[in-house]
């Protein structure tokens, strides 16, 4: 039986720069991108999964709960090892496991 895997996660946000800073502080290596004449956004490769932050531009941002495994010493500020429930600038819960 084939197994599916997540290859793309797109988060629409009313707070693009604030979300970029939030996720970058957790070690998500976001870089600016633009495809053709589409909107400027940010993208990162996390293993085989691409995570993108797009300006909402009238789209509903909705709610999602994300989980990230991070190196505690590489976050800004450094997190204590263990589980942390954080909230991004759009109100999404981010379940962070710091090692």
PDB file of N, CA and C in Angstrom:
ATOM      1  N   UNK A   1       0.845  -1.178   0.000  1.00  0.00           N
ATOM      2  CA  UNK A   1       0.000   0.000   0.000  1.00  0.00           C
ATOM      3  C   UNK A   1       0.893   1.245   0.000  1.00  0.00           C
ATOM      4  N   UNK A   2       0.685   2.182  -0.930  1.00  0.00           N
ATOM      5  CA  UNK A   2       1.509   3.385  -0.959  1.00  0.00           C
ATOM      6  C   UNK A   2       1.272   4.244   0.283  1.00  0.00           C
ATOM      7  N   UNK A   3       2.331   4.885   0.721  1.00  0.00           N
ATOM      8  CA  UNK A   3       2.222   5.779   1.876  1.00  0.00           C
ATOM      9  C   UNK A   3       2.368   7.212   1.401  1.00  0.00           C
ATOM     10  N   UNK A   4       1.468   8.036   1.861  1.00  0.00           N
ATOM     11  CA  UNK A   4       1.547   9.459   1.532  1.00  0.00           C
ATOM     12  C   UNK A   4       2.522  10.128   2.482  1.00  0.00           C
ATOM     13  N   UNK A   5       3.121  11.220   2.035  1.00  0.00           N
ATOM     14  CA  UNK A   5       3.952  12.037   2.906  1.00  0.00           C
ATOM     15  C   UNK A   5       3.656  13.489   2.597  1.00  0.00           C
ATOM     16  N   UNK A   6       3.851  14.338   3.558  1.00  0.00           N
ATOM     17  CA  UNK A   6       3.609  15.761   3.360  1.00  0.00           C
ATOM     18  C   UNK A   6       4.781  16.328   2.572  1.00  0.00           C
ATOM     19  N   UNK A   7       4.485  16.982   1.449  1.00  0.00           N
ATOM     20  CA  UNK A   7       5.543  17.576   0.635  1.00  0.00           C
ATOM     21  C   UNK A   7       5.469  19.102   0.610  1.00  0.00           C
ATOM     22  N   UNK A   8       4.302  19.658   0.958  1.00  0.00           N
ATOM     23  CA  UNK A   8       4.132  21.105   0.904  1.00  0.00           C
ATOM     24  C   UNK A   8       3.150  21.551   1.973  1.00  0.00           C
ATOM     25  N   UNK A   9       3.522  22.596   2.708  1.00  0.00           N
ATOM     26  CA  UNK A   9       2.635  23.244   3.659  1.00  0.00           C
ATOM     27  C   UNK A   9       2.673  24.731   3.326  1.00  0.00           C
ATOM     28  N   UNK A  10       1.513  25.305   3.015  1.00  0.00           N
ATOM     29  CA  UNK A  10       1.414  26.731   2.728  1.00  0.00           C
ATOM     30  C   UNK A  10       0.580  27.377   3.820  1.00  0.00           C
ATOM     31  N   UNK A  11       1.161  28.372   4.476  1.00  0.00           N
ATOM     32  CA  UNK A  11       0.451  29.131   5.495  1.00  0.00           C
ATOM     33  C   UNK A  11       0.176  30.524   4.947  1.00  0.00           C
ATOM     34  N   UNK A  12      -1.084  30.892   4.892  1.00  0.00           N
ATOM     35  CA  UNK A  12      -1.452  32.245   4.494  1.00  0.00           C
ATOM     36  C   UNK A  12      -1.503  33.095   5.752  1.00  0.00           C
ATOM     37  N   UNK A  13      -0.989  34.308   5.663  1.00  0.00           N
ATOM     38  CA  UNK A  13      -0.871  35.132   6.849  1.00  0.00           C
ATOM     39  C   UNK A  13      -1.178  36.599   6.578  1.00  0.00           C
ATOM     40  N   UNK A  14      -1.807  37.225   7.541  1.00  0.00           N
ATOM     41  CA  UNK A  14      -2.024  38.670   7.524  1.00  0.00           C
ATOM     42  C   UNK A  14      -0.793  39.393   8.056  1.00  0.00           C
ATOM     43  N   UNK A  15       0.158  38.635   8.596  1.00  0.00           N
ATOM     44  CA  UNK A  15       1.326  39.195   9.278  1.00  0.00           C
ATOM     45  C   UNK A  15       2.597  38.559   8.715  1.00  0.00           C
ATOM     46  N   UNK A  16       2.869  38.773   7.439  1.00  0.00           N
ATOM     47  CA  UNK A  16       3.947  38.069   6.748  1.00  0.00           C
ATOM     48  C   UNK A  16       5.298  38.245   7.431  1.00  0.00           C
ATOM     49  N   UNK A  17       5.710  39.471   7.667  1.00  0.00           N
ATOM     50  CA  UNK A  17       7.039  39.691   8.251  1.00  0.00           C
ATOM     51  C   UNK A  17       7.123  39.177   9.689  1.00  0.00           C
ATOM     52  N   UNK A  18       6.056  39.344  10.446  1.00  0.00           N
ATOM     53  CA  UNK A  18       6.058  38.854  11.821  1.00  0.00           C
ATOM     54  C   UNK A  18       6.129  37.324  11.852  1.00  0.00           C
ATOM     55  N   UNK A  19       5.386  36.663  10.942  1.00  0.00           N
ATOM     56  CA  UNK A  19       5.447  35.202  10.868  1.00  0.00           C
ATOM     57  C   UNK A  19       6.824  34.741  10.400  1.00  0.00           C
ATOM     58  N   UNK A  20       7.400  35.439   9.437  1.00  0.00           N
ATOM     59  CA  UNK A  20       8.745  35.073   8.983  1.00  0.00           C
ATOM     60  C   UNK A  20       9.711  35.126  10.159  1.00  0.00           C
ATOM     61  N   UNK A  21       9.664  36.198  10.931  1.00  0.00           N
ATOM     62  CA  UNK A  21      10.564  36.335  12.075  1.00  0.00           C
ATOM     63  C   UNK A  21      10.301  35.248  13.125  1.00  0.00           C
ATOM     64  N   UNK A  22       9.022  34.946  13.392  1.00  0.00           N
ATOM     65  CA  UNK A  22       8.656  33.922  14.376  1.00  0.00           C
ATOM     66  C   UNK A  22       9.247  32.570  13.988  1.00  0.00           C
ATOM     67  N   UNK A  23       9.001  32.125  12.741  1.00  0.00           N
ATOM     68  CA  UNK A  23       9.477  30.817  12.310  1.00  0.00           C
ATOM     69  C   UNK A  23      10.992  30.793  12.123  1.00  0.00           C
ATOM     70  N   UNK A  24      11.571  31.892  11.667  1.00  0.00           N
ATOM     71  CA  UNK A  24      13.037  31.968  11.539  1.00  0.00           C
ATOM     72  C   UNK A  24      13.690  31.824  12.910  1.00  0.00           C
ATOM     73  N   UNK A  25      13.078  32.406  13.953  1.00  0.00           N
ATOM     74  CA  UNK A  25      13.625  32.303  15.301  1.00  0.00           C
ATOM     75  C   UNK A  25      13.590  30.861  15.820  1.00  0.00           C
ATOM     76  N   UNK A  26      12.720  30.033  15.244  1.00  0.00           N
ATOM     77  CA  UNK A  26      12.660  28.615  15.602  1.00  0.00           C
ATOM     78  C   UNK A  26      13.586  27.769  14.737  1.00  0.00           C
ATOM     79  N   UNK A  27      14.342  28.414  13.845  1.00  0.00           N
ATOM     80  CA  UNK A  27      15.297  27.695  13.008  1.00  0.00           C
ATOM     81  C   UNK A  27      14.784  27.292  11.650  1.00  0.00           C
ATOM     82  N   UNK A  28      13.623  27.794  11.244  1.00  0.00           N
ATOM     83  CA  UNK A  28      13.099  27.486   9.907  1.00  0.00           C
ATOM     84  C   UNK A  28      13.810  28.428   8.928  1.00  0.00           C
ATOM     85  N   UNK A  29      14.602  27.876   7.986  1.00  0.00           N
ATOM     86  CA  UNK A  29      15.440  28.697   7.114  1.00  0.00           C
ATOM     87  C   UNK A  29      14.663  29.323   5.946  1.00  0.00           C
ATOM     88  N   UNK A  30      13.814  30.277   6.249  1.00  0.00           N
ATOM     89  CA  UNK A  30      12.965  30.912   5.234  1.00  0.00           C
ATOM     90  C   UNK A  30      13.770  31.867   4.353  1.00  0.00           C
ATOM     91  N   UNK A  31      13.539  31.757   3.058  1.00  0.00           N
ATOM     92  CA  UNK A  31      14.175  32.665   2.099  1.00  0.00           C
ATOM     93  C   UNK A  31      13.090  33.289   1.234  1.00  0.00           C
ATOM     94  N   UNK A  32      13.305  34.532   0.762  1.00  0.00           N
ATOM     95  CA  UNK A  32      12.304  35.163  -0.096  1.00  0.00           C
ATOM     96  C   UNK A  32      12.217  34.456  -1.448  1.00  0.00           C
ATOM     97  N   UNK A  33      10.994  34.370  -1.978  1.00  0.00           N
ATOM     98  CA  UNK A  33      10.736  33.765  -3.292  1.00  0.00           C
ATOM     99  C   UNK A  33       9.634  34.530  -3.996  1.00  0.00           C
ATOM    100  N   UNK A  34       9.605  34.378  -5.301  1.00  0.00           N
ATOM    101  CA  UNK A  34       8.498  34.876  -6.114  1.00  0.00           C
ATOM    102  C   UNK A  34       8.475  34.045  -7.386  1.00  0.00           C
ATOM    103  N   UNK A  35       7.315  33.519  -7.729  1.00  0.00           N
ATOM    104  CA  UNK A  35       7.163  32.705  -8.932  1.00  0.00           C
ATOM    105  C   UNK A  35       6.495  33.559  -9.997  1.00  0.00           C
ATOM    106  N   UNK A  36       7.236  33.921 -11.028  1.00  0.00           N
ATOM    107  CA  UNK A  36       6.675  34.747 -12.098  1.00  0.00           C
ATOM    108  C   UNK A  36       6.158  36.055 -11.543  1.00  0.00           C
ATOM    109  N   UNK A  37       4.892  36.355 -11.835  1.00  0.00           N
ATOM    110  CA  UNK A  37       4.286  37.600 -11.358  1.00  0.00           C
ATOM    111  C   UNK A  37       3.484  37.390 -10.074  1.00  0.00           C
ATOM    112  N   UNK A  38       3.627  36.215  -9.464  1.00  0.00           N
ATOM    113  CA  UNK A  38       2.914  35.920  -8.221  1.00  0.00           C
ATOM    114  C   UNK A  38       3.437  36.761  -7.068  1.00  0.00           C
ATOM    115  N   UNK A  39       2.817  36.628  -5.910  1.00  0.00           N
ATOM    116  CA  UNK A  39       3.208  37.447  -4.764  1.00  0.00           C
ATOM    117  C   UNK A  39       4.562  37.031  -4.192  1.00  0.00           C
ATOM    118  N   UNK A  40       5.270  37.990  -3.658  1.00  0.00           N
ATOM    119  CA  UNK A  40       6.487  37.684  -2.924  1.00  0.00           C
ATOM    120  C   UNK A  40       6.078  36.939  -1.656  1.00  0.00           C
ATOM    121  N   UNK A  41       6.842  35.919  -1.312  1.00  0.00           N
ATOM    122  CA  UNK A  41       6.554  35.100  -0.143  1.00  0.00           C
ATOM    123  C   UNK A  41       7.866  34.531   0.376  1.00  0.00           C
ATOM    124  N   UNK A  42       7.773  33.674   1.385  1.00  0.00           N
ATOM    125  CA  UNK A  42       8.955  33.032   1.950  1.00  0.00           C
ATOM    126  C   UNK A  42       8.790  31.527   1.872  1.00  0.00           C
ATOM    127  N   UNK A  43       9.922  30.823   1.701  1.00  0.00           N
ATOM    128  CA  UNK A  43       9.883  29.367   1.609  1.00  0.00           C
ATOM    129  C   UNK A  43      11.089  28.767   2.316  1.00  0.00           C
ATOM    130  N   UNK A  44      10.911  27.551   2.805  1.00  0.00           N
ATOM    131  CA  UNK A  44      11.992  26.799   3.445  1.00  0.00           C
ATOM    132  C   UNK A  44      11.813  25.328   3.125  1.00  0.00           C
ATOM    133  N   UNK A  45      12.921  24.633   2.999  1.00  0.00           N
ATOM    134  CA  UNK A  45      12.891  23.179   2.849  1.00  0.00           C
ATOM    135  C   UNK A  45      13.228  22.568   4.197  1.00  0.00           C
ATOM    136  N   UNK A  46      12.310  21.760   4.696  1.00  0.00           N
ATOM    137  CA  UNK A  46      12.517  21.012   5.936  1.00  0.00           C
ATOM    138  C   UNK A  46      12.509  19.543   5.560  1.00  0.00           C
ATOM    139  N   UNK A  47      13.690  19.002   5.336  1.00  0.00           N
ATOM    140  CA  UNK A  47      13.782  17.643   4.806  1.00  0.00           C
ATOM    141  C   UNK A  47      13.196  17.637   3.405  1.00  0.00           C
ATOM    142  N   UNK A  48      12.195  16.791   3.181  1.00  0.00           N
ATOM    143  CA  UNK A  48      11.540  16.718   1.870  1.00  0.00           C
ATOM    144  C   UNK A  48      10.260  17.542   1.818  1.00  0.00           C
ATOM    145  N   UNK A  49      10.016  18.329   2.857  1.00  0.00           N
ATOM    146  CA  UNK A  49       8.807  19.139   2.916  1.00  0.00           C
ATOM    147  C   UNK A  49       9.154  20.606   2.709  1.00  0.00           C
ATOM    148  N   UNK A  50       8.411  21.264   1.828  1.00  0.00           N
ATOM    149  CA  UNK A  50       8.564  22.704   1.616  1.00  0.00           C
ATOM    150  C   UNK A  50       7.485  23.406   2.428  1.00  0.00           C
ATOM    151  N   UNK A  51       7.907  24.405   3.199  1.00  0.00           N
ATOM    152  CA  UNK A  51       6.994  25.232   3.973  1.00  0.00           C
ATOM    153  C   UNK A  51       7.037  26.627   3.373  1.00  0.00           C
ATOM    154  N   UNK A  52       5.868  27.188   3.071  1.00  0.00           N
ATOM    155  CA  UNK A  52       5.804  28.517   2.476  1.00  0.00           C
ATOM    156  C   UNK A  52       4.880  29.414   3.293  1.00  0.00           C
ATOM    157  N   UNK A  53       5.282  30.675   3.417  1.00  0.00           N
ATOM    158  CA  UNK A  53       4.449  31.708   4.028  1.00  0.00           C
ATOM    159  C   UNK A  53       4.039  32.671   2.931  1.00  0.00           C
ATOM    160  N   UNK A  54       2.741  32.817   2.720  1.00  0.00           N
ATOM    161  CA  UNK A  54       2.193  33.697   1.685  1.00  0.00           C
ATOM    162  C   UNK A  54       1.358  34.794   2.325  1.00  0.00           C
ATOM    163  N   UNK A  55       1.386  35.989   1.742  1.00  0.00           N
ATOM    164  CA  UNK A  55       0.458  37.020   2.222  1.00  0.00           C
ATOM    165  C   UNK A  55      -0.973  36.561   1.968  1.00  0.00           C
ATOM    166  N   UNK A  56      -1.848  36.809   2.926  1.00  0.00           N
ATOM    167  CA  UNK A  56      -3.227  36.336   2.821  1.00  0.00           C
ATOM    168  C   UNK A  56      -3.959  36.959   1.642  1.00  0.00           C
ATOM    169  N   UNK A  57      -3.740  38.237   1.397  1.00  0.00           N
ATOM    170  CA  UNK A  57      -4.358  38.933   0.261  1.00  0.00           C
ATOM    171  C   UNK A  57      -5.848  38.608   0.128  1.00  0.00           C
ATOM    172  N   UNK A  58      -6.576  38.716   1.244  1.00  0.00           N
ATOM    173  CA  UNK A  58      -8.014  38.483   1.212  1.00  0.00           C
ATOM    174  C   UNK A  58      -8.426  37.045   1.424  1.00  0.00           C
ATOM    175  N   UNK A  59      -7.482  36.088   1.398  1.00  0.00           N
ATOM    176  CA  UNK A  59      -7.816  34.687   1.663  1.00  0.00           C
ATOM    177  C   UNK A  59      -7.959  34.489   3.174  1.00  0.00           C
ATOM    178  N   UNK A  60      -8.851  33.617   3.592  1.00  0.00           N
ATOM    179  CA  UNK A  60      -8.915  33.326   5.028  1.00  0.00           C
ATOM    180  C   UNK A  60      -7.642  32.610   5.458  1.00  0.00           C
ATOM    181  N   UNK A  61      -7.124  32.967   6.629  1.00  0.00           N
ATOM    182  CA  UNK A  61      -5.908  32.318   7.106  1.00  0.00           C
ATOM    183  C   UNK A  61      -6.211  31.021   7.838  1.00  0.00           C
ATOM    184  N   UNK A  62      -7.381  30.923   8.436  1.00  0.00           N
ATOM    185  CA  UNK A  62      -7.778  29.684   9.099  1.00  0.00           C
ATOM    186  C   UNK A  62      -6.865  29.318  10.251  1.00  0.00           C
ATOM    187  N   UNK A  63      -7.128  28.207  10.845  1.00  0.00           N
ATOM    188  CA  UNK A  63      -6.342  27.716  11.971  1.00  0.00           C
ATOM    189  C   UNK A  63      -5.669  26.417  11.564  1.00  0.00           C
ATOM    190  N   UNK A  64      -4.509  26.221  12.097  1.00  0.00           N
ATOM    191  CA  UNK A  64      -3.781  24.971  11.916  1.00  0.00           C
ATOM    192  C   UNK A  64      -2.935  24.776  13.155  1.00  0.00           C
ATOM    193  N   UNK A  65      -2.573  23.567  13.421  1.00  0.00           N
ATOM    194  CA  UNK A  65      -1.629  23.281  14.500  1.00  0.00           C
ATOM    195  C   UNK A  65      -0.434  22.617  13.860  1.00  0.00           C
ATOM    196  N   UNK A  66       0.718  23.196  14.066  1.00  0.00           N
ATOM    197  CA  UNK A  66       1.943  22.688  13.471  1.00  0.00           C
ATOM    198  C   UNK A  66       2.809  22.069  14.545  1.00  0.00           C
ATOM    199  N   UNK A  67       3.624  21.119  14.173  1.00  0.00           N
ATOM    200  CA  UNK A  67       4.602  20.529  15.076  1.00  0.00           C
ATOM    201  C   UNK A  67       5.984  20.664  14.474  1.00  0.00           C
ATOM    202  N   UNK A  68       6.936  21.136  15.273  1.00  0.00           N
ATOM    203  CA  UNK A  68       8.318  21.276  14.825  1.00  0.00           C
ATOM    204  C   UNK A  68       9.248  20.632  15.844  1.00  0.00           C
ATOM    205  N   UNK A  69      10.247  19.898  15.362  1.00  0.00           N
ATOM    206  CA  UNK A  69      11.349  19.431  16.194  1.00  0.00           C
ATOM    207  C   UNK A  69      12.513  20.366  15.912  1.00  0.00           C
ATOM    208  N   UNK A  70      13.099  20.921  16.971  1.00  0.00           N
ATOM    209  CA  UNK A  70      14.173  21.904  16.801  1.00  0.00           C
ATOM    210  C   UNK A  70      15.332  21.587  17.727  1.00  0.00           C
ATOM    211  N   UNK A  71      16.487  22.130  17.387  1.00  0.00           N
ATOM    212  CA  UNK A  71      17.640  22.090  18.277  1.00  0.00           C
ATOM    213  C   UNK A  71      17.497  23.258  19.235  1.00  0.00           C
ATOM    214  N   UNK A  72      17.378  22.994  20.521  1.00  0.00           N
ATOM    215  CA  UNK A  72      17.097  24.026  21.523  1.00  0.00           C
ATOM    216  C   UNK A  72      18.081  25.183  21.454  1.00  0.00           C
ATOM    217  N   UNK A  73      19.359  24.893  21.284  1.00  0.00           N
ATOM    218  CA  UNK A  73      20.379  25.937  21.293  1.00  0.00           C
ATOM    219  C   UNK A  73      20.354  26.794  20.028  1.00  0.00           C
ATOM    220  N   UNK A  74      19.670  26.346  18.979  1.00  0.00           N
ATOM    221  CA  UNK A  74      19.655  27.081  17.717  1.00  0.00           C
ATOM    222  C   UNK A  74      18.445  27.986  17.566  1.00  0.00           C
ATOM    223  N   UNK A  75      17.571  28.019  18.575  1.00  0.00           N
ATOM    224  CA  UNK A  75      16.422  28.920  18.504  1.00  0.00           C
ATOM    225  C   UNK A  75      16.817  30.271  19.093  1.00  0.00           C
ATOM    226  N   UNK A  76      16.045  31.289  18.780  1.00  0.00           N
ATOM    227  CA  UNK A  76      16.355  32.635  19.254  1.00  0.00           C
ATOM    228  C   UNK A  76      15.127  33.242  19.919  1.00  0.00           C
ATOM    229  N   UNK A  77      15.074  33.334  21.232  1.00  0.00           N
ATOM    230  CA  UNK A  77      16.129  32.926  22.163  1.00  0.00           C
ATOM    231  C   UNK A  77      16.156  31.407  22.316  1.00  0.00           C
ATOM    232  N   UNK A  78      17.267  30.864  22.848  1.00  0.00           N
ATOM    233  CA  UNK A  78      17.351  29.415  23.022  1.00  0.00           C
ATOM    234  C   UNK A  78      16.219  28.900  23.912  1.00  0.00           C
ATOM    235  N   UNK A  79      15.608  27.805  23.496  1.00  0.00           N
ATOM    236  CA  UNK A  79      14.549  27.180  24.284  1.00  0.00           C
ATOM    237  C   UNK A  79      15.140  26.132  25.218  1.00  0.00           C
ATOM    238  N   UNK A  80      14.507  25.938  26.349  1.00  0.00           N
ATOM    239  CA  UNK A  80      14.880  24.830  27.224  1.00  0.00           C
ATOM    240  C   UNK A  80      14.456  23.538  26.532  1.00  0.00           C
ATOM    241  N   UNK A  81      15.223  22.469  26.700  1.00  0.00           N
ATOM    242  CA  UNK A  81      14.797  21.199  26.122  1.00  0.00           C
ATOM    243  C   UNK A  81      13.410  20.815  26.653  1.00  0.00           C
ATOM    244  N   UNK A  82      12.621  20.223  25.783  1.00  0.00           N
ATOM    245  CA  UNK A  82      11.279  19.790  26.160  1.00  0.00           C
ATOM    246  C   UNK A  82      10.243  20.305  25.189  1.00  0.00           C
ATOM    247  N   UNK A  83       8.998  20.163  25.585  1.00  0.00           N
ATOM    248  CA  UNK A  83       7.861  20.539  24.728  1.00  0.00           C
ATOM    249  C   UNK A  83       7.395  21.942  25.084  1.00  0.00           C
ATOM    250  N   UNK A  84       7.138  22.742  24.050  1.00  0.00           N
ATOM    251  CA  UNK A  84       6.652  24.103  24.215  1.00  0.00           C
ATOM    252  C   UNK A  84       5.464  24.313  23.283  1.00  0.00           C
ATOM    253  N   UNK A  85       4.382  24.872  23.780  1.00  0.00           N
ATOM    254  CA  UNK A  85       3.254  25.244  22.936  1.00  0.00           C
ATOM    255  C   UNK A  85       3.340  26.747  22.733  1.00  0.00           C
ATOM    256  N   UNK A  86       3.620  27.165  21.514  1.00  0.00           N
ATOM    257  CA  UNK A  86       3.770  28.570  21.170  1.00  0.00           C
ATOM    258  C   UNK A  86       2.626  28.979  20.260  1.00  0.00           C
ATOM    259  N   UNK A  87       2.439  30.273  20.098  1.00  0.00           N
ATOM    260  CA  UNK A  87       1.405  30.804  19.216  1.00  0.00           C
ATOM    261  C   UNK A  87       2.056  31.751  18.225  1.00  0.00           C
ATOM    262  N   UNK A  88       1.836  31.506  16.915  1.00  0.00           N
ATOM    263  CA  UNK A  88       2.434  32.387  15.915  1.00  0.00           C
ATOM    264  C   UNK A  88       1.606  33.672  15.789  1.00  0.00           C
ATOM    265  N   UNK A  89       2.096  34.660  15.029  1.00  0.00           N
ATOM    266  CA  UNK A  89       1.385  35.938  14.944  1.00  0.00           C
ATOM    267  C   UNK A  89      -0.037  35.865  14.396  1.00  0.00           C
ATOM    268  N   UNK A  90      -0.417  34.775  13.730  1.00  0.00           N
ATOM    269  CA  UNK A  90      -1.783  34.609  13.242  1.00  0.00           C
ATOM    270  C   UNK A  90      -2.655  33.795  14.188  1.00  0.00           C
ATOM    271  N   UNK A  91      -2.121  33.412  15.348  1.00  0.00           N
ATOM    272  CA  UNK A  91      -2.891  32.669  16.326  1.00  0.00           C
ATOM    273  C   UNK A  91      -2.837  31.163  16.174  1.00  0.00           C
ATOM    274  N   UNK A  92      -1.991  30.647  15.265  1.00  0.00           N
ATOM    275  CA  UNK A  92      -1.843  29.200  15.106  1.00  0.00           C
ATOM    276  C   UNK A  92      -0.998  28.635  16.239  1.00  0.00           C
ATOM    277  N   UNK A  93      -1.372  27.477  16.737  1.00  0.00           N
ATOM    278  CA  UNK A  93      -0.577  26.808  17.750  1.00  0.00           C
ATOM    279  C   UNK A  93       0.581  26.092  17.085  1.00  0.00           C
ATOM    280  N   UNK A  94       1.771  26.272  17.638  1.00  0.00           N
ATOM    281  CA  UNK A  94       2.969  25.598  17.144  1.00  0.00           C
ATOM    282  C   UNK A  94       3.514  24.776  18.310  1.00  0.00           C
ATOM    283  N   UNK A  95       3.473  23.462  18.142  1.00  0.00           N
ATOM    284  CA  UNK A  95       3.930  22.504  19.148  1.00  0.00           C
ATOM    285  C   UNK A  95       5.398  22.246  18.866  1.00  0.00           C
ATOM    286  N   UNK A  96       6.273  22.777  19.723  1.00  0.00           N
ATOM    287  CA  UNK A  96       7.711  22.708  19.494  1.00  0.00           C
ATOM    288  C   UNK A  96       8.339  21.718  20.463  1.00  0.00           C
ATOM    289  N   UNK A  97       9.066  20.759  19.924  1.00  0.00           N
ATOM    290  CA  UNK A  97       9.837  19.828  20.736  1.00  0.00           C
ATOM    291  C   UNK A  97      11.299  20.207  20.577  1.00  0.00           C
ATOM    292  N   UNK A  98      11.870  20.767  21.633  1.00  0.00           N
ATOM    293  CA  UNK A  98      13.261  21.209  21.605  1.00  0.00           C
ATOM    294  C   UNK A  98      14.158  20.105  22.171  1.00  0.00           C
ATOM    295  N   UNK A  99      15.212  19.799  21.432  1.00  0.00           N
ATOM    296  CA  UNK A  99      16.173  18.751  21.848  1.00  0.00           C
ATOM    297  C   UNK A  99      17.447  19.414  22.326  1.00  0.00           C
TER     298      UNK A  99
END
